[in-house]
Amino acid sequence: MTDQRIEGAVTEAGGKVQNGFGRLTGDSKLQIDGKLNEVKGTAMDAYGRVIDGLDGMVDKAPADLRDPARKGLDFARRKPLLTTGIIAGAAVLLGALGRKR
């Protein structure tokens, strides 16, 4: 289990508590902050699940590709936001290339 999954679960649980207190006290700002933390925690957990899955795939990769793949995963663990941005940018570019005009 990656640190992102653990941190995501904690953030999501904290968000649920914030949201609950916000509803109990009628504080809409606290409710919104709680919902945002729930979503943030869910996203972090999903990112951690992807990293865990890729880690398993690296173990099954051919021997000559394992070292570069591990370096890529280490980068993704250290810089999750940058990695997500890179992947999103690549997806947008590939999507634009695939469109017919």
Protein backbone atom coordinates (compact mmCIF):
# COMPACT_ATOMS: atom_id res chain seq x y z
CA MET A 1 0.00 0.00 0.00
CA THR A 2 1.45 3.35 -1.02
CA ASP A 3 1.67 6.46 1.12
CA GLN A 4 -0.80 8.14 -1.24
CA ARG A 5 -3.47 5.56 -0.42
CA ILE A 6 -2.97 5.96 3.32
CA GLU A 7 -2.90 9.75 3.13
CA GLY A 8 -5.93 9.66 0.84
CA ALA A 9 -7.93 7.57 3.29
CA VAL A 10 -7.04 9.90 6.17
CA THR A 11 -7.90 13.01 4.12
CA GLU A 12 -11.19 11.50 2.99
CA ALA A 13 -12.16 10.54 6.53
CA GLY A 14 -11.26 14.01 7.80
CA GLY A 15 -13.38 15.52 5.04
CA LYS A 16 -16.35 13.41 6.06
CA VAL A 17 -15.95 14.59 9.65
CA GLN A 18 -15.71 18.24 8.51
CA ASN A 19 -18.77 17.82 6.31
CA GLY A 20 -20.71 16.26 9.19
CA PHE A 21 -19.79 19.05 11.60
CA GLY A 22 -20.69 21.59 8.94
CA ARG A 23 -24.13 20.05 8.51
CA LEU A 24 -24.62 19.80 12.28
CA THR A 25 -23.69 23.44 12.88
CA GLY A 26 -25.15 24.84 9.67
CA ASP A 27 -21.71 26.08 8.57
CA SER A 28 -21.77 25.87 4.77
CA LYS A 29 -18.06 26.79 4.44
CA LEU A 30 -17.10 23.87 6.66
CA GLN A 31 -19.37 21.59 4.61
CA ILE A 32 -17.73 22.72 1.36
CA ASP A 33 -14.23 22.30 2.81
CA GLY A 34 -15.21 18.83 4.00
CA LYS A 35 -16.55 17.83 0.58
CA LEU A 36 -13.38 19.12 -1.08
CA ASN A 37 -11.24 17.07 1.31
CA GLU A 38 -13.37 13.99 0.62
CA VAL A 39 -12.80 14.40 -3.12
CA LYS A 40 -9.09 15.09 -2.60
CA GLY A 41 -8.76 11.96 -0.45
CA THR A 42 -10.60 9.84 -3.01
CA ALA A 43 -8.31 11.11 -5.77
CA MET A 44 -5.20 10.41 -3.71
CA ASP A 45 -6.42 6.89 -2.98
CA ALA A 46 -7.11 6.29 -6.69
CA TYR A 47 -3.66 7.57 -7.60
CA GLY A 48 -2.13 5.22 -5.01
CA ARG A 49 -4.08 2.29 -6.46
CA VAL A 50 -2.69 3.07 -9.92
CA ILE A 51 0.86 3.23 -8.55
CA ASP A 52 0.34 -0.10 -6.75
CA GLY A 53 -0.96 -1.68 -9.97
CA LEU A 54 1.94 -0.35 -12.00
CA ASP A 55 4.36 -1.63 -9.40
CA GLY A 56 2.99 -5.13 -9.94
CA MET A 57 3.33 -4.74 -13.70
CA VAL A 58 6.97 -3.68 -13.35
CA ASP A 59 7.71 -6.92 -11.52
CA LYS A 60 6.37 -8.84 -14.53
CA ALA A 61 8.20 -6.73 -17.13
CA PRO A 62 11.20 -8.06 -19.06
CA ALA A 63 14.41 -7.74 -17.08
CA ASP A 64 15.93 -5.06 -19.31
CA LEU A 65 12.90 -2.76 -18.79
CA ARG A 66 12.52 -3.12 -15.03
CA ASP A 67 15.14 -0.54 -14.03
CA PRO A 68 13.82 2.29 -16.25
CA ALA A 69 10.24 1.44 -15.23
CA ARG A 70 11.17 1.57 -11.53
CA LYS A 71 12.79 4.98 -12.06
CA GLY A 72 9.57 6.22 -13.64
CA LEU A 73 7.51 4.89 -10.74
CA ASP A 74 9.86 6.48 -8.21
CA PHE A 75 9.40 9.82 -10.00
CA ALA A 76 5.61 9.35 -9.93
CA ARG A 77 5.73 8.65 -6.19
CA ARG A 78 7.84 11.72 -5.46
CA LYS A 79 5.89 14.10 -7.71
CA PRO A 80 2.28 12.94 -8.01
CA LEU A 81 0.85 16.27 -9.17
CA LEU A 82 3.47 16.77 -11.85
CA THR A 83 2.99 13.20 -13.04
CA THR A 84 -0.78 13.68 -13.22
CA GLY A 85 -0.28 16.90 -15.18
CA ILE A 86 2.07 15.22 -17.63
CA ILE A 87 -0.35 12.35 -18.20
CA ALA A 88 -3.30 14.72 -18.60
CA GLY A 89 -1.36 16.84 -21.09
CA ALA A 90 -0.37 13.79 -23.09
CA ALA A 91 -3.98 12.61 -23.13
CA VAL A 92 -5.17 15.99 -24.41
CA LEU A 93 -2.53 16.00 -27.15
CA LEU A 94 -3.31 12.45 -28.21
CA GLY A 95 -7.01 13.23 -28.20
CA ALA A 96 -6.45 16.27 -30.38
CA LEU A 97 -4.33 14.27 -32.81
CA GLY A 98 -6.99 11.60 -33.04
CA ARG A 99 -9.81 13.99 -33.99
CA LYS A 100 -10.87 14.16 -37.58
CA ARG A 101 -11.38 17.60 -39.01
